[in-house]
Amino acid sequence: MLDLPLSLTSAAVAATSRAGEARLRGIVDAHFDALWRFLRRLGVPESDVDDAIQEVILVLARKLDQVTLGSERSFVLSTAFRIASDTRRRLKRRREVNDASLLDMVSPAPDPEQSAEQRRLTLLFAQVLEQLSLELRAVFVLYELEDFTMAEIATTLGLPPGTVASRLRRGREAFERLAAEALAQGVER
């Protein structure tokens, strides 16, 4: 499990009552890993994930009394979906130097060949996901990677079940096509 920095929740905890503090911390502890992965898979850069998580936690703290028991994960991830969209929009306007090339320099793994291949496949996976529209990607990630049911996805994203099924089908088809193209390009090189 990823360690949750104390500073991430201090403002959120201050916004809740003492009675809600334990529930807030419990929700964050229970869903932090899934939240982090979901934000990354929706295209939020690793350097901005902590800020996005903090925004999710602040929204959760403000609306904690409105979150029904048992639907905490849906609330957290639906909030993350909206924040990821806002973050990605904000990042497109921000002018920064792309540090993606630095990621290739860091990887002191015991077996360099396996590490390189794993890294290549991970980057390829991320590139293929990046090519999916945000709507298809959200449904695909929640179903295929986070093990949500289609009903949970419909509730989380506020979509009709038929739309979820359609987006999942189209997301799978697009992912398979894009992955096959990307793998074929890798073999040709």
C-alpha atoms as a PDB file:
ATOM      1  CA  MET A   1       0.000   0.000   0.000  1.00  0.00           C
ATOM      2  CA  LEU A   2       1.189   3.486  -0.763  1.00  0.00           C
ATOM      3  CA  ASP A   3       1.901   5.640   2.240  1.00  0.00           C
ATOM      4  CA  LEU A   4      -0.576   8.465   2.623  1.00  0.00           C
ATOM      5  CA  PRO A   5       1.287  11.640   3.561  1.00  0.00           C
ATOM      6  CA  LEU A   6      -0.089  13.270   6.684  1.00  0.00           C
ATOM      7  CA  SER A   7      -0.162  16.655   4.940  1.00  0.00           C
ATOM      8  CA  LEU A   8      -2.551  15.284   2.320  1.00  0.00           C
ATOM      9  CA  THR A   9      -5.356  14.809   4.784  1.00  0.00           C
ATOM     10  CA  SER A  10      -4.645  17.428   7.442  1.00  0.00           C
ATOM     11  CA  ALA A  11      -6.751  20.114   5.728  1.00  0.00           C
ATOM     12  CA  ALA A  12      -9.486  17.605   4.987  1.00  0.00           C
ATOM     13  CA  VAL A  13      -9.537  16.296   8.552  1.00  0.00           C
ATOM     14  CA  ALA A  14      -9.712  19.860   9.877  1.00  0.00           C
ATOM     15  CA  ALA A  15     -12.820  20.397   7.746  1.00  0.00           C
ATOM     16  CA  THR A  16     -14.673  17.495   9.346  1.00  0.00           C
ATOM     17  CA  SER A  17     -16.069  16.978  12.809  1.00  0.00           C
ATOM     18  CA  ARG A  18     -14.317  14.682  15.247  1.00  0.00           C
ATOM     19  CA  ALA A  19     -17.006  12.073  14.605  1.00  0.00           C
ATOM     20  CA  GLY A  20     -16.356  12.196  10.863  1.00  0.00           C
ATOM     21  CA  GLU A  21     -12.582  12.177  11.207  1.00  0.00           C
ATOM     22  CA  ALA A  22     -12.363   8.409  11.741  1.00  0.00           C
ATOM     23  CA  ARG A  23     -14.725   7.728   8.833  1.00  0.00           C
ATOM     24  CA  LEU A  24     -12.792  10.061   6.536  1.00  0.00           C
ATOM     25  CA  ARG A  25      -9.463   8.468   7.408  1.00  0.00           C
ATOM     26  CA  GLY A  26     -10.995   4.994   6.995  1.00  0.00           C
ATOM     27  CA  ILE A  27     -12.343   5.833   3.539  1.00  0.00           C
ATOM     28  CA  VAL A  28      -9.038   7.346   2.449  1.00  0.00           C
ATOM     29  CA  ASP A  29      -7.041   4.401   3.799  1.00  0.00           C
ATOM     30  CA  ALA A  30      -9.363   1.866   2.164  1.00  0.00           C
ATOM     31  CA  HIS A  31      -9.430   3.505  -1.278  1.00  0.00           C
ATOM     32  CA  PHE A  32      -6.121   5.367  -1.563  1.00  0.00           C
ATOM     33  CA  ASP A  33      -4.363   2.788  -3.772  1.00  0.00           C
ATOM     34  CA  ALA A  34      -7.295   2.491  -6.184  1.00  0.00           C
ATOM     35  CA  LEU A  35      -7.657   6.274  -6.258  1.00  0.00           C
ATOM     36  CA  TRP A  36      -3.968   6.752  -7.059  1.00  0.00           C
ATOM     37  CA  ARG A  37      -4.023   4.115  -9.821  1.00  0.00           C
ATOM     38  CA  PHE A  38      -7.273   5.467 -11.291  1.00  0.00           C
ATOM     39  CA  LEU A  39      -5.929   9.028 -11.491  1.00  0.00           C
ATOM     40  CA  ARG A  40      -2.688   7.837 -13.116  1.00  0.00           C
ATOM     41  CA  ARG A  41      -4.576   5.707 -15.621  1.00  0.00           C
ATOM     42  CA  LEU A  42      -6.798   8.646 -16.509  1.00  0.00           C
ATOM     43  CA  GLY A  43      -3.674  10.532 -17.562  1.00  0.00           C
ATOM     44  CA  VAL A  44      -2.858  12.610 -14.494  1.00  0.00           C
ATOM     45  CA  PRO A  45       0.958  12.896 -14.433  1.00  0.00           C
ATOM     46  CA  GLU A  46       2.646  11.275 -11.445  1.00  0.00           C
ATOM     47  CA  SER A  47       3.935  14.677 -10.340  1.00  0.00           C
ATOM     48  CA  ASP A  48       0.334  15.956 -10.068  1.00  0.00           C
ATOM     49  CA  VAL A  49      -1.356  12.900  -8.557  1.00  0.00           C
ATOM     50  CA  ASP A  50      -0.808  14.000  -4.946  1.00  0.00           C
ATOM     51  CA  ASP A  51      -2.500  17.342  -5.662  1.00  0.00           C
ATOM     52  CA  ALA A  52      -5.414  15.608  -7.386  1.00  0.00           C
ATOM     53  CA  ILE A  53      -5.774  13.183  -4.468  1.00  0.00           C
ATOM     54  CA  GLN A  54      -5.799  16.100  -2.058  1.00  0.00           C
ATOM     55  CA  GLU A  55      -8.615  17.702  -4.061  1.00  0.00           C
ATOM     56  CA  VAL A  56     -10.590  14.438  -3.903  1.00  0.00           C
ATOM     57  CA  ILE A  57     -10.065  14.214  -0.151  1.00  0.00           C
ATOM     58  CA  LEU A  58     -11.161  17.824   0.362  1.00  0.00           C
ATOM     59  CA  VAL A  59     -14.362  17.212  -1.617  1.00  0.00           C
ATOM     60  CA  LEU A  60     -14.933  14.026   0.381  1.00  0.00           C
ATOM     61  CA  ALA A  61     -14.413  15.899   3.668  1.00  0.00           C
ATOM     62  CA  ARG A  62     -16.877  18.621   2.657  1.00  0.00           C
ATOM     63  CA  LYS A  63     -19.521  16.147   1.525  1.00  0.00           C
ATOM     64  CA  LEU A  64     -18.828  13.337   4.000  1.00  0.00           C
ATOM     65  CA  ASP A  65     -22.289  13.552   5.554  1.00  0.00           C
ATOM     66  CA  GLN A  66     -23.841  13.137   2.068  1.00  0.00           C
ATOM     67  CA  VAL A  67     -21.881   9.945   1.271  1.00  0.00           C
ATOM     68  CA  THR A  68     -24.027   6.936   2.044  1.00  0.00           C
ATOM     69  CA  LEU A  69     -22.490   3.919   3.708  1.00  0.00           C
ATOM     70  CA  GLY A  70     -21.325   1.381   1.143  1.00  0.00           C
ATOM     71  CA  SER A  71     -20.994   3.876  -1.701  1.00  0.00           C
ATOM     72  CA  GLU A  72     -17.742   5.456  -0.549  1.00  0.00           C
ATOM     73  CA  ARG A  73     -15.646   3.900  -3.345  1.00  0.00           C
ATOM     74  CA  SER A  74     -18.081   5.122  -6.002  1.00  0.00           C
ATOM     75  CA  PHE A  75     -18.081   8.614  -4.528  1.00  0.00           C
ATOM     76  CA  VAL A  76     -14.267   8.765  -4.321  1.00  0.00           C
ATOM     77  CA  LEU A  77     -13.730   7.504  -7.868  1.00  0.00           C
ATOM     78  CA  SER A  78     -16.491   9.590  -9.452  1.00  0.00           C
ATOM     79  CA  THR A  79     -14.967  12.648  -7.781  1.00  0.00           C
ATOM     80  CA  ALA A  80     -11.552  11.555  -9.050  1.00  0.00           C
ATOM     81  CA  PHE A  81     -12.953  11.266 -12.582  1.00  0.00           C
ATOM     82  CA  ARG A  82     -14.086  14.900 -12.523  1.00  0.00           C
ATOM     83  CA  ILE A  83     -10.858  16.107 -10.934  1.00  0.00           C
ATOM     84  CA  ALA A  84      -8.764  14.156 -13.475  1.00  0.00           C
ATOM     85  CA  SER A  85     -10.669  15.851 -16.259  1.00  0.00           C
ATOM     86  CA  ASP A  86     -10.071  19.280 -14.703  1.00  0.00           C
ATOM     87  CA  THR A  87      -6.406  18.485 -14.054  1.00  0.00           C
ATOM     88  CA  ARG A  88      -5.793  17.315 -17.612  1.00  0.00           C
ATOM     89  CA  ARG A  89      -7.449  20.471 -18.953  1.00  0.00           C
ATOM     90  CA  ARG A  90      -5.311  22.613 -16.658  1.00  0.00           C
ATOM     91  CA  LEU A  91      -2.135  20.789 -17.672  1.00  0.00           C
ATOM     92  CA  LYS A  92      -2.764  21.424 -21.363  1.00  0.00           C
ATOM     93  CA  ARG A  93      -2.625  25.153 -20.653  1.00  0.00           C
ATOM     94  CA  ARG A  94       0.460  24.873 -18.432  1.00  0.00           C
ATOM     95  CA  ARG A  95       3.827  25.263 -20.118  1.00  0.00           C
ATOM     96  CA  GLU A  96       6.375  22.889 -18.725  1.00  0.00           C
ATOM     97  CA  VAL A  97       9.245  20.852 -20.025  1.00  0.00           C
ATOM     98  CA  ASN A  98       8.278  17.225 -20.519  1.00  0.00           C
ATOM     99  CA  ASP A  99      10.368  15.130 -18.126  1.00  0.00           C
ATOM    100  CA  ALA A 100       9.254  11.766 -19.538  1.00  0.00           C
ATOM    101  CA  SER A 101      12.771  11.121 -20.843  1.00  0.00           C
ATOM    102  CA  LEU A 102      14.050  11.236 -17.250  1.00  0.00           C
ATOM    103  CA  LEU A 103      11.864   8.260 -16.351  1.00  0.00           C
ATOM    104  CA  ASP A 104      13.906   6.045 -18.673  1.00  0.00           C
ATOM    105  CA  MET A 105      17.078   6.853 -16.738  1.00  0.00           C
ATOM    106  CA  VAL A 106      15.793   5.599 -13.393  1.00  0.00           C
ATOM    107  CA  SER A 107      15.420   1.839 -12.961  1.00  0.00           C
ATOM    108  CA  PRO A 108      18.104  -0.026 -11.006  1.00  0.00           C
ATOM    109  CA  ALA A 109      16.431  -3.463 -11.242  1.00  0.00           C
ATOM    110  CA  PRO A 110      18.241  -6.752 -10.508  1.00  0.00           C
ATOM    111  CA  ASP A 111      17.692  -8.103 -14.061  1.00  0.00           C
ATOM    112  CA  PRO A 112      18.171  -5.299 -16.606  1.00  0.00           C
ATOM    113  CA  GLU A 113      16.669  -7.194 -19.558  1.00  0.00           C
ATOM    114  CA  GLN A 114      13.454  -8.117 -17.761  1.00  0.00           C
ATOM    115  CA  SER A 115      13.244  -4.667 -16.256  1.00  0.00           C
ATOM    116  CA  ALA A 116      13.643  -3.048 -19.672  1.00  0.00           C
ATOM    117  CA  GLU A 117      10.996  -5.273 -21.226  1.00  0.00           C
ATOM    118  CA  GLN A 118       8.587  -4.648 -18.337  1.00  0.00           C
ATOM    119  CA  ARG A 119       9.203  -0.914 -18.649  1.00  0.00           C
ATOM    120  CA  ARG A 120       8.632  -1.020 -22.406  1.00  0.00           C
ATOM    121  CA  LEU A 121       5.348  -2.874 -21.975  1.00  0.00           C
ATOM    122  CA  THR A 122       4.236  -0.531 -19.181  1.00  0.00           C
ATOM    123  CA  LEU A 123       4.966   2.518 -21.349  1.00  0.00           C
ATOM    124  CA  LEU A 124       3.249   0.880 -24.295  1.00  0.00           C
ATOM    125  CA  PHE A 125       0.211   0.159 -22.109  1.00  0.00           C
ATOM    126  CA  ALA A 126       0.135   3.778 -20.909  1.00  0.00           C
ATOM    127  CA  GLN A 127       0.470   5.070 -24.494  1.00  0.00           C
ATOM    128  CA  VAL A 128      -2.380   2.875 -25.683  1.00  0.00           C
ATOM    129  CA  LEU A 129      -4.565   3.995 -22.761  1.00  0.00           C
ATOM    130  CA  GLU A 130      -3.671   7.629 -23.536  1.00  0.00           C
ATOM    131  CA  GLN A 131      -5.071   7.214 -27.054  1.00  0.00           C
ATOM    132  CA  LEU A 132      -8.511   6.221 -25.751  1.00  0.00           C
ATOM    133  CA  SER A 133     -10.977   9.030 -25.184  1.00  0.00           C
ATOM    134  CA  LEU A 134     -11.448   9.947 -21.525  1.00  0.00           C
ATOM    135  CA  GLU A 135     -14.982   8.521 -21.537  1.00  0.00           C
ATOM    136  CA  LEU A 136     -13.899   5.144 -22.957  1.00  0.00           C
ATOM    137  CA  ARG A 137     -10.765   5.076 -20.811  1.00  0.00           C
ATOM    138  CA  ALA A 138     -12.650   5.677 -17.550  1.00  0.00           C
ATOM    139  CA  VAL A 139     -15.052   2.787 -18.152  1.00  0.00           C
ATOM    140  CA  PHE A 140     -12.276   0.502 -19.469  1.00  0.00           C
ATOM    141  CA  VAL A 141      -9.980   1.191 -16.487  1.00  0.00           C
ATOM    142  CA  LEU A 142     -12.722   0.752 -13.902  1.00  0.00           C
ATOM    143  CA  TYR A 143     -13.930  -2.533 -15.410  1.00  0.00           C
ATOM    144  CA  GLU A 144     -10.730  -4.167 -16.620  1.00  0.00           C
ATOM    145  CA  LEU A 145      -8.209  -2.902 -14.072  1.00  0.00           C
ATOM    146  CA  GLU A 146     -10.165  -1.959 -10.954  1.00  0.00           C
ATOM    147  CA  ASP A 147     -12.645  -4.884 -11.128  1.00  0.00           C
ATOM    148  CA  PHE A 148     -15.780  -2.750 -10.950  1.00  0.00           C
ATOM    149  CA  THR A 149     -19.045  -4.253 -12.127  1.00  0.00           C
ATOM    150  CA  MET A 150     -20.899  -2.447 -14.887  1.00  0.00           C
ATOM    151  CA  ALA A 151     -23.567  -1.446 -12.354  1.00  0.00           C
ATOM    152  CA  GLU A 152     -20.901   0.076 -10.090  1.00  0.00           C
ATOM    153  CA  ILE A 153     -19.423   1.966 -13.039  1.00  0.00           C
ATOM    154  CA  ALA A 154     -22.853   3.290 -14.010  1.00  0.00           C
ATOM    155  CA  THR A 155     -23.390   4.528 -10.450  1.00  0.00           C
ATOM    156  CA  THR A 156     -19.875   5.925 -10.106  1.00  0.00           C
ATOM    157  CA  LEU A 157     -19.871   7.858 -13.370  1.00  0.00           C
ATOM    158  CA  GLY A 158     -23.585   8.658 -13.379  1.00  0.00           C
ATOM    159  CA  LEU A 159     -24.230   6.871 -16.690  1.00  0.00           C
ATOM    160  CA  PRO A 160     -27.039   4.624 -17.911  1.00  0.00           C
ATOM    161  CA  PRO A 161     -26.055   0.915 -17.851  1.00  0.00           C
ATOM    162  CA  GLY A 162     -26.403   0.660 -21.634  1.00  0.00           C
ATOM    163  CA  THR A 163     -23.938   3.508 -22.101  1.00  0.00           C
ATOM    164  CA  VAL A 164     -21.459   1.761 -19.802  1.00  0.00           C
ATOM    165  CA  ALA A 165     -21.787  -1.479 -21.777  1.00  0.00           C
ATOM    166  CA  SER A 166     -21.375   0.349 -25.082  1.00  0.00           C
ATOM    167  CA  ARG A 167     -18.337   2.305 -23.872  1.00  0.00           C
ATOM    168  CA  LEU A 168     -16.769  -0.848 -22.473  1.00  0.00           C
ATOM    169  CA  ARG A 169     -17.260  -2.705 -25.755  1.00  0.00           C
ATOM    170  CA  ARG A 170     -15.904   0.213 -27.801  1.00  0.00           C
ATOM    171  CA  GLY A 171     -13.051   0.716 -25.314  1.00  0.00           C
ATOM    172  CA  ARG A 172     -12.040  -2.942 -25.534  1.00  0.00           C
ATOM    173  CA  GLU A 173     -12.150  -2.900 -29.329  1.00  0.00           C
ATOM    174  CA  ALA A 174     -10.131   0.303 -29.522  1.00  0.00           C
ATOM    175  CA  PHE A 175      -7.636  -0.906 -26.921  1.00  0.00           C
ATOM    176  CA  GLU A 176      -7.090  -4.223 -28.726  1.00  0.00           C
ATOM    177  CA  ARG A 177      -6.671  -2.496 -32.085  1.00  0.00           C
ATOM    178  CA  LEU A 178      -4.290   0.158 -30.718  1.00  0.00           C
ATOM    179  CA  ALA A 179      -2.283  -2.394 -28.727  1.00  0.00           C
ATOM    180  CA  ALA A 180      -1.907  -4.633 -31.784  1.00  0.00           C
ATOM    181  CA  GLU A 181      -0.763  -1.665 -33.880  1.00  0.00           C
ATOM    182  CA  ALA A 182       1.699  -0.561 -31.201  1.00  0.00           C
ATOM    183  CA  LEU A 183       3.109  -4.069 -30.790  1.00  0.00           C
ATOM    184  CA  ALA A 184       3.431  -4.462 -34.579  1.00  0.00           C
ATOM    185  CA  GLN A 185       5.354  -1.195 -34.779  1.00  0.00           C
ATOM    186  CA  GLY A 186       7.652  -2.404 -32.011  1.00  0.00           C
ATOM    187  CA  VAL A 187       8.437  -5.621 -33.929  1.00  0.00           C
ATOM    188  CA  GLU A 188       9.194  -3.722 -37.169  1.00  0.00           C
ATOM    189  CA  ARG A 189      11.831  -1.553 -35.494  1.00  0.00           C
END
